[in-house]
Amino acid sequence: MEAVMRKIMDCLLALQKLQFDVRVRLTAVQAELEKLRAEVPPTILAHYERLVGRGKKGVALARNGVCSECHLRITGGKLVGLSAGTDIQLCDNCGRYLYLPETAPVGLAETKALPTAAIKRTPREAVYHVA
């Protein structure tokens, strides 16, 4: 199952590279595009084509736990699904298919905790209500 999902995502990524490369002319790669489209299931291809039709990329790389297109954090469950390769995952924010390269780290990069500023609170004055 993992190999099938990886193959589908590899085909989508290759299709995206061919479609968005401005140096490549469509007549030269039309046969390659059709071959890649034939390897992707119709429902997945339809969603991908809707995104491309709106001028967006259909596949986003998942780098350090973040979607490379909308730059928002990917949930832990999606990261586990991506690393297991058992299912195709969509970004919750932008709707693109998430692709995790085999050499990429799954989780977030090590980050340093920022020092918190001390909050200075002033005491409030007592307010008395007269009825």
Protein backbone atom coordinates (compact mmCIF):
# COMPACT_ATOMS: atom_id res chain seq x y z
CA MET A 1 0.00 0.00 0.00
CA GLU A 2 2.85 2.35 0.86
CA ALA A 3 4.46 1.86 -2.56
CA VAL A 4 1.18 2.64 -4.34
CA MET A 5 0.67 5.91 -2.45
CA ARG A 6 4.30 6.92 -2.99
CA LYS A 7 3.96 6.20 -6.74
CA ILE A 8 0.78 8.32 -7.00
CA MET A 9 2.42 11.23 -5.21
CA ASP A 10 5.57 10.91 -7.33
CA CYS A 11 3.40 11.05 -10.47
CA LEU A 12 1.55 14.14 -9.22
CA LEU A 13 4.82 15.86 -8.37
CA ALA A 14 6.30 15.06 -11.79
CA LEU A 15 3.10 16.27 -13.46
CA GLN A 16 3.28 19.52 -11.52
CA LYS A 17 6.92 20.06 -12.46
CA LEU A 18 6.11 19.62 -16.15
CA GLN A 19 3.04 21.86 -16.01
CA PHE A 20 4.66 24.73 -14.12
CA ASP A 21 8.04 24.73 -15.86
CA VAL A 22 7.85 27.77 -18.12
CA ARG A 23 10.85 26.67 -20.15
CA VAL A 24 9.12 23.49 -21.34
CA ARG A 25 6.70 23.72 -24.26
CA LEU A 26 3.53 21.68 -23.88
CA THR A 27 3.76 20.11 -27.34
CA ALA A 28 7.12 18.59 -26.46
CA VAL A 29 5.88 16.93 -23.28
CA GLN A 30 2.21 16.21 -24.07
CA ALA A 31 2.80 12.44 -24.23
CA GLU A 32 4.59 12.48 -20.88
CA LEU A 33 1.75 14.48 -19.30
CA GLU A 34 -0.85 12.01 -20.54
CA LYS A 35 1.20 9.07 -19.27
CA LEU A 36 1.45 10.62 -15.81
CA ARG A 37 -2.28 11.47 -15.76
CA ALA A 38 -3.12 7.85 -16.60
CA GLU A 39 -1.25 6.62 -13.51
CA VAL A 40 -3.20 8.82 -11.07
CA PRO A 41 -6.70 7.78 -9.91
CA PRO A 42 -9.47 9.97 -11.42
CA THR A 43 -10.70 11.48 -8.13
CA ILE A 44 -7.20 12.52 -7.08
CA LEU A 45 -6.46 13.87 -10.54
CA ALA A 46 -9.73 15.87 -10.57
CA HIS A 47 -8.85 17.61 -7.30
CA TYR A 48 -5.33 18.29 -8.55
CA GLU A 49 -6.66 19.73 -11.84
CA ARG A 50 -9.10 22.02 -9.96
CA LEU A 51 -6.19 23.52 -8.05
CA VAL A 52 -4.09 23.91 -11.20
CA GLY A 53 -7.08 25.45 -13.00
CA ARG A 54 -7.11 28.18 -10.35
CA GLY A 55 -3.43 28.87 -10.98
CA LYS A 56 -2.21 27.07 -7.86
CA LYS A 57 0.22 24.23 -7.51
CA GLY A 58 -1.54 20.98 -6.64
CA VAL A 59 1.25 19.43 -4.56
CA ALA A 60 3.09 21.02 -1.65
CA LEU A 61 6.21 19.67 -0.01
CA ALA A 62 6.02 19.04 3.72
CA ARG A 63 9.21 20.48 5.16
CA ASN A 64 9.93 20.48 8.89
CA GLY A 65 6.25 19.94 9.68
CA VAL A 66 5.12 22.91 7.56
CA CYS A 67 3.29 23.11 4.21
CA SER A 68 5.69 24.67 1.70
CA GLU A 69 2.90 26.58 -0.09
CA CYS A 70 0.78 28.15 2.68
CA HIS A 71 3.50 27.95 5.38
CA LEU A 72 1.20 26.69 8.10
CA ARG A 73 2.00 23.85 10.49
CA ILE A 74 0.79 20.37 9.53
CA THR A 75 -0.99 18.43 12.26
CA GLY A 76 0.79 15.55 13.93
CA GLY A 77 -1.67 13.00 12.60
CA LYS A 78 -1.09 14.09 9.02
CA LEU A 79 2.68 13.92 9.53
CA VAL A 80 2.38 10.36 10.81
CA GLY A 81 0.22 9.45 7.81
CA LEU A 82 2.74 11.02 5.44
CA SER A 83 5.69 9.26 6.98
CA ALA A 84 3.88 5.91 6.98
CA GLY A 85 2.86 6.40 3.36
CA THR A 86 -0.44 4.63 3.91
CA ASP A 87 -2.71 7.43 2.71
CA ILE A 88 -2.63 10.62 0.69
CA GLN A 89 -2.96 13.72 2.85
CA LEU A 90 -4.30 17.20 2.06
CA CYS A 91 -3.20 20.40 3.75
CA ASP A 92 -5.99 21.58 6.07
CA ASN A 93 -5.44 25.20 5.07
CA CYS A 94 -4.70 25.36 1.33
CA GLY A 95 -6.09 21.98 0.20
CA ARG A 96 -2.96 20.93 -1.69
CA TYR A 97 -1.71 17.36 -1.66
CA LEU A 98 1.15 17.02 0.80
CA TYR A 99 4.32 15.31 -0.35
CA LEU A 100 6.98 14.21 2.09
CA PRO A 101 10.33 13.57 0.38
CA GLU A 102 11.99 10.39 1.62
CA THR A 103 15.04 12.27 2.89
CA ALA A 104 13.07 15.02 4.67
CA PRO A 105 12.70 15.04 8.46
CA VAL A 106 9.16 14.34 9.59
CA GLY A 107 8.81 16.63 12.60
CA LEU A 108 9.48 20.24 13.30
CA ALA A 109 13.02 21.51 13.37
CA GLU A 110 14.61 22.20 16.70
CA THR A 111 13.65 25.68 17.79
CA LYS A 112 14.94 27.77 20.65
CA ALA A 113 12.44 29.00 23.15
CA LEU A 114 12.18 32.74 23.03
CA PRO A 115 12.57 34.55 26.33
CA THR A 116 9.29 35.87 27.63
CA ALA A 117 9.04 39.47 28.58
CA ALA A 118 8.04 40.25 32.14
CA ILE A 119 4.55 41.64 32.26
CA LYS A 120 4.22 44.57 34.58
CA ARG A 121 0.72 44.94 35.94
CA THR A 122 -0.50 47.99 37.73
CA PRO A 123 -3.01 47.55 40.52
CA ARG A 124 -6.54 48.68 39.76
CA GLU A 125 -8.30 51.21 41.87
CA ALA A 126 -11.27 50.04 43.85
CA VAL A 127 -14.57 51.11 42.34
CA TYR A 128 -17.60 51.46 44.53
CA HIS A 129 -21.08 51.53 43.05
CA VAL A 130 -23.65 53.61 44.78
CA ALA A 131 -27.22 52.58 44.26
